[in-house]
Amino acid sequence: MTELVSVDIQRILEMIPHRYPFLLIDKVIDIETDVRATGIKNVTMNEPQFTGHFPQQPIMPGVLIIESMAQTAAILVVQTLGAGAEGKLVYFMSIDNARFRKPVTPGDVMHIHVTKKQSRGPVWKFESQVKVDGQVVAEATIAAMIRDN
C-alpha cells in the first residue's frame, strides 16, 4: 500500500521559495511520493492579477494556471527527494501541449493534478491537468530542472 501525504500552506512555504503574490497553491493533497500529487488553489477576487485581467470579467491568466501546475510538481519533487531539496529552485524547461478548455474565475477551486512521466538526474517531466468542479479546464506536459539557488 502506498502512503499518501498532505502538505498544508506552512509546509509549502518551507518546501518551495515562492511567496505572495506568486505562490499559486494553497495546499497539496494526496501526494504519492515519486508518482503524483494534487494541489489546491482557491481562486479569490482579491488577487492582484484580477485588477487588469479583466476588470469587468475577471479570468485567471493561463500562464498562472501553468505556474500552479509547476508549483504542485515542485512539491512532488521535494517530497520525493527529501529535506535536502527544500528551498531549491525548480526551473521550467518546456511546456508542451498546453490547452485551456474553460475560463477559471474568482470563486473557483482549482484541483491541480500532476503525474510524473519521468525523471533523469535533475530533470523531471510531468503530465498536468487542472479541474474545476470535476471538469478539465487546462492541461499541459511540463518539464523542469531542480537546481541549487
C-alpha atoms as a PDB file:
ATOM      1  CA  MET A   1       0.000   0.000   0.000  1.00  0.00           C
ATOM      2  CA  THR A   2       1.339   3.422  -0.987  1.00  0.00           C
ATOM      3  CA  GLU A   3       1.364   6.125   1.671  1.00  0.00           C
ATOM      4  CA  LEU A   4      -0.418   9.344   0.692  1.00  0.00           C
ATOM      5  CA  VAL A   5       0.844  12.607   2.183  1.00  0.00           C
ATOM      6  CA  SER A   6      -0.836  16.028   2.522  1.00  0.00           C
ATOM      7  CA  VAL A   7       1.015  19.350   2.738  1.00  0.00           C
ATOM      8  CA  ASP A   8      -0.500  22.480   4.290  1.00  0.00           C
ATOM      9  CA  ILE A   9       0.449  26.078   3.466  1.00  0.00           C
ATOM     10  CA  GLN A  10       3.050  26.324   6.245  1.00  0.00           C
ATOM     11  CA  ARG A  11       4.854  23.261   4.925  1.00  0.00           C
ATOM     12  CA  ILE A  12       4.615  24.551   1.328  1.00  0.00           C
ATOM     13  CA  LEU A  13       6.450  27.704   2.437  1.00  0.00           C
ATOM     14  CA  GLU A  14       9.266  25.514   3.783  1.00  0.00           C
ATOM     15  CA  MET A  15       9.449  23.347   0.658  1.00  0.00           C
ATOM     16  CA  ILE A  16       9.458  25.913  -2.185  1.00  0.00           C
ATOM     17  CA  PRO A  17      10.713  29.513  -2.316  1.00  0.00           C
ATOM     18  CA  HIS A  18       7.584  31.102  -3.855  1.00  0.00           C
ATOM     19  CA  ARG A  19       5.794  33.837  -1.895  1.00  0.00           C
ATOM     20  CA  TYR A  20       2.756  36.087  -2.318  1.00  0.00           C
ATOM     21  CA  PRO A  21       1.710  37.259  -4.828  1.00  0.00           C
ATOM     22  CA  PHE A  22       3.303  34.434  -6.803  1.00  0.00           C
ATOM     23  CA  LEU A  23       2.551  31.487  -4.538  1.00  0.00           C
ATOM     24  CA  LEU A  24      -0.257  29.850  -6.504  1.00  0.00           C
ATOM     25  CA  ILE A  25      -1.159  26.791  -4.447  1.00  0.00           C
ATOM     26  CA  ASP A  26      -2.853  26.734  -1.050  1.00  0.00           C
ATOM     27  CA  LYS A  27      -2.270  23.097  -0.128  1.00  0.00           C
ATOM     28  CA  VAL A  28      -1.261  19.819  -1.695  1.00  0.00           C
ATOM     29  CA  ILE A  29      -3.256  16.665  -1.059  1.00  0.00           C
ATOM     30  CA  ASP A  30      -2.839  13.044  -1.997  1.00  0.00           C
ATOM     31  CA  ILE A  31       0.897  13.106  -2.666  1.00  0.00           C
ATOM     32  CA  GLU A  32       2.078   9.693  -3.750  1.00  0.00           C
ATOM     33  CA  THR A  33       5.851  10.103  -3.469  1.00  0.00           C
ATOM     34  CA  ASP A  34       7.656   9.820  -6.822  1.00  0.00           C
ATOM     35  CA  VAL A  35       4.324   9.282  -8.636  1.00  0.00           C
ATOM     36  CA  ARG A  36       1.684  12.042  -8.412  1.00  0.00           C
ATOM     37  CA  ALA A  37       0.219  14.914  -6.413  1.00  0.00           C
ATOM     38  CA  THR A  38      -2.900  17.070  -6.324  1.00  0.00           C
ATOM     39  CA  GLY A  39      -2.602  20.757  -5.488  1.00  0.00           C
ATOM     40  CA  ILE A  40      -5.454  23.018  -4.452  1.00  0.00           C
ATOM     41  CA  LYS A  41      -5.748  26.690  -5.434  1.00  0.00           C
ATOM     42  CA  ASN A  42      -8.680  28.719  -4.127  1.00  0.00           C
ATOM     43  CA  VAL A  43      -9.147  31.488  -6.694  1.00  0.00           C
ATOM     44  CA  THR A  44     -10.246  34.723  -4.998  1.00  0.00           C
ATOM     45  CA  MET A  45     -11.226  38.138  -6.327  1.00  0.00           C
ATOM     46  CA  ASN A  46      -8.644  39.943  -4.169  1.00  0.00           C
ATOM     47  CA  GLU A  47      -5.690  38.525  -6.148  1.00  0.00           C
ATOM     48  CA  PRO A  48      -3.649  41.203  -7.943  1.00  0.00           C
ATOM     49  CA  GLN A  49      -3.992  39.775 -11.465  1.00  0.00           C
ATOM     50  CA  PHE A  50      -7.724  40.486 -11.488  1.00  0.00           C
ATOM     51  CA  THR A  51      -7.255  44.272 -11.390  1.00  0.00           C
ATOM     52  CA  GLY A  52      -6.170  44.073 -15.033  1.00  0.00           C
ATOM     53  CA  HIS A  53      -7.222  40.613 -16.323  1.00  0.00           C
ATOM     54  CA  PHE A  54     -10.007  41.642 -16.857  1.00  0.00           C
ATOM     55  CA  PRO A  55     -11.660  44.258 -14.597  1.00  0.00           C
ATOM     56  CA  GLN A  56     -15.185  43.696 -15.958  1.00  0.00           C
ATOM     57  CA  GLN A  57     -14.830  39.912 -16.340  1.00  0.00           C
ATOM     58  CA  PRO A  58     -12.015  38.506 -14.156  1.00  0.00           C
ATOM     59  CA  ILE A  59     -10.325  35.428 -15.615  1.00  0.00           C
ATOM     60  CA  MET A  60      -7.318  33.569 -14.173  1.00  0.00           C
ATOM     61  CA  PRO A  61      -4.464  34.040 -16.671  1.00  0.00           C
ATOM     62  CA  GLY A  62      -3.402  30.823 -18.396  1.00  0.00           C
ATOM     63  CA  VAL A  63       0.232  31.395 -17.530  1.00  0.00           C
ATOM     64  CA  LEU A  64      -0.674  31.446 -13.827  1.00  0.00           C
ATOM     65  CA  ILE A  65      -2.617  28.212 -14.216  1.00  0.00           C
ATOM     66  CA  ILE A  66       0.515  26.678 -15.766  1.00  0.00           C
ATOM     67  CA  GLU A  67       2.583  28.102 -12.895  1.00  0.00           C
ATOM     68  CA  SER A  68       0.250  26.435 -10.378  1.00  0.00           C
ATOM     69  CA  MET A  69       0.972  23.139 -12.164  1.00  0.00           C
ATOM     70  CA  ALA A  70       4.716  23.769 -11.828  1.00  0.00           C
ATOM     71  CA  GLN A  71       4.454  24.621  -8.129  1.00  0.00           C
ATOM     72  CA  THR A  72       2.459  21.462  -7.449  1.00  0.00           C
ATOM     73  CA  ALA A  73       5.080  19.483  -9.378  1.00  0.00           C
ATOM     74  CA  ALA A  74       7.844  21.174  -7.344  1.00  0.00           C
ATOM     75  CA  ILE A  75       6.203  19.978  -4.117  1.00  0.00           C
ATOM     76  CA  LEU A  76       6.148  16.431  -5.543  1.00  0.00           C
ATOM     77  CA  VAL A  77       9.852  16.710  -6.451  1.00  0.00           C
ATOM     78  CA  VAL A  78      10.820  17.966  -2.972  1.00  0.00           C
ATOM     79  CA  GLN A  79       8.673  15.321  -1.266  1.00  0.00           C
ATOM     80  CA  THR A  80      10.355  12.663  -3.396  1.00  0.00           C
ATOM     81  CA  LEU A  81      13.944  13.901  -2.950  1.00  0.00           C
ATOM     82  CA  GLY A  82      13.641  14.704   0.764  1.00  0.00           C
ATOM     83  CA  ALA A  83      14.772  17.510   3.058  1.00  0.00           C
ATOM     84  CA  GLY A  84      17.943  18.235   1.057  1.00  0.00           C
ATOM     85  CA  ALA A  85      15.798  19.543  -1.795  1.00  0.00           C
ATOM     86  CA  GLU A  86      13.786  22.004   0.312  1.00  0.00           C
ATOM     87  CA  GLY A  87      14.040  25.608  -0.870  1.00  0.00           C
ATOM     88  CA  LYS A  88      15.830  24.711  -4.107  1.00  0.00           C
ATOM     89  CA  LEU A  89      14.635  26.324  -7.299  1.00  0.00           C
ATOM     90  CA  VAL A  90      12.728  24.348  -9.904  1.00  0.00           C
ATOM     91  CA  TYR A  91      13.105  25.945 -13.344  1.00  0.00           C
ATOM     92  CA  PHE A  92      10.751  25.434 -16.287  1.00  0.00           C
ATOM     93  CA  MET A  93      12.422  23.807 -19.268  1.00  0.00           C
ATOM     94  CA  SER A  94       9.418  23.247 -21.506  1.00  0.00           C
ATOM     95  CA  ILE A  95       5.650  23.465 -21.676  1.00  0.00           C
ATOM     96  CA  ASP A  96       4.099  21.238 -24.319  1.00  0.00           C
ATOM     97  CA  ASN A  97       0.562  20.605 -25.489  1.00  0.00           C
ATOM     98  CA  ALA A  98      -0.936  23.301 -23.277  1.00  0.00           C
ATOM     99  CA  ARG A  99      -4.696  23.528 -23.655  1.00  0.00           C
ATOM    100  CA  PHE A 100      -7.156  25.812 -21.918  1.00  0.00           C
ATOM    101  CA  ARG A 101     -10.657  24.351 -22.040  1.00  0.00           C
ATOM    102  CA  LYS A 102     -12.711  26.710 -19.876  1.00  0.00           C
ATOM    103  CA  PRO A 103     -12.078  30.021 -18.051  1.00  0.00           C
ATOM    104  CA  VAL A 104     -11.191  29.934 -14.359  1.00  0.00           C
ATOM    105  CA  THR A 105     -12.809  32.738 -12.389  1.00  0.00           C
ATOM    106  CA  PRO A 106     -12.884  34.003  -8.784  1.00  0.00           C
ATOM    107  CA  GLY A 107     -14.759  31.578  -6.565  1.00  0.00           C
ATOM    108  CA  ASP A 108     -13.415  28.527  -8.409  1.00  0.00           C
ATOM    109  CA  VAL A 109     -11.326  25.897  -6.636  1.00  0.00           C
ATOM    110  CA  MET A 110      -8.627  24.509  -8.911  1.00  0.00           C
ATOM    111  CA  HIS A 111      -7.592  20.890  -8.386  1.00  0.00           C
ATOM    112  CA  ILE A 112      -4.140  20.645  -9.953  1.00  0.00           C
ATOM    113  CA  HIS A 113      -3.200  17.074 -10.846  1.00  0.00           C
ATOM    114  CA  VAL A 114       0.433  16.307 -11.730  1.00  0.00           C
ATOM    115  CA  THR A 115       1.792  12.886 -12.562  1.00  0.00           C
ATOM    116  CA  LYS A 116       5.490  12.173 -13.052  1.00  0.00           C
ATOM    117  CA  LYS A 117       6.242  10.834 -16.511  1.00  0.00           C
ATOM    118  CA  GLN A 118       9.989  10.517 -15.992  1.00  0.00           C
ATOM    119  CA  SER A 119      12.996  11.875 -14.153  1.00  0.00           C
ATOM    120  CA  ARG A 120      16.624  11.741 -15.175  1.00  0.00           C
ATOM    121  CA  GLY A 121      19.043  13.395 -12.804  1.00  0.00           C
ATOM    122  CA  PRO A 122      17.769  16.908 -12.078  1.00  0.00           C
ATOM    123  CA  VAL A 123      15.268  16.913 -14.992  1.00  0.00           C
ATOM    124  CA  TRP A 124      11.653  15.923 -14.339  1.00  0.00           C
ATOM    125  CA  LYS A 125       8.713  15.663 -16.732  1.00  0.00           C
ATOM    126  CA  PHE A 126       5.032  15.758 -15.724  1.00  0.00           C
ATOM    127  CA  GLU A 127       1.569  15.364 -17.217  1.00  0.00           C
ATOM    128  CA  SER A 128      -0.662  18.018 -15.655  1.00  0.00           C
ATOM    129  CA  GLN A 129      -4.370  18.637 -15.598  1.00  0.00           C
ATOM    130  CA  VAL A 130      -6.414  21.267 -13.771  1.00  0.00           C
ATOM    131  CA  LYS A 131     -10.041  20.610 -12.899  1.00  0.00           C
ATOM    132  CA  VAL A 132     -12.774  22.847 -11.507  1.00  0.00           C
ATOM    133  CA  ASP A 133     -15.932  21.111 -10.297  1.00  0.00           C
ATOM    134  CA  GLY A 134     -14.661  17.883 -11.864  1.00  0.00           C
ATOM    135  CA  GLN A 135     -14.290  19.414 -15.342  1.00  0.00           C
ATOM    136  CA  VAL A 136     -10.900  19.733 -17.043  1.00  0.00           C
ATOM    137  CA  VAL A 137     -10.148  23.432 -17.523  1.00  0.00           C
ATOM    138  CA  ALA A 138      -6.464  23.175 -18.510  1.00  0.00           C
ATOM    139  CA  GLU A 139      -3.785  20.601 -19.286  1.00  0.00           C
ATOM    140  CA  ALA A 140      -0.122  20.536 -20.267  1.00  0.00           C
ATOM    141  CA  THR A 141       3.043  18.488 -20.267  1.00  0.00           C
ATOM    142  CA  ILE A 142       5.747  20.328 -18.361  1.00  0.00           C
ATOM    143  CA  ALA A 143       9.437  19.690 -17.837  1.00  0.00           C
ATOM    144  CA  ALA A 144      11.558  21.263 -15.140  1.00  0.00           C
ATOM    145  CA  MET A 145      15.017  21.121 -13.621  1.00  0.00           C
ATOM    146  CA  ILE A 146      15.786  21.328  -9.917  1.00  0.00           C
ATOM    147  CA  ARG A 147      18.878  23.395  -9.081  1.00  0.00           C
ATOM    148  CA  ASP A 148      20.668  24.872  -6.121  1.00  0.00           C
ATOM    149  CA  ASN A 149      19.940  28.555  -5.501  1.00  0.00           C
END
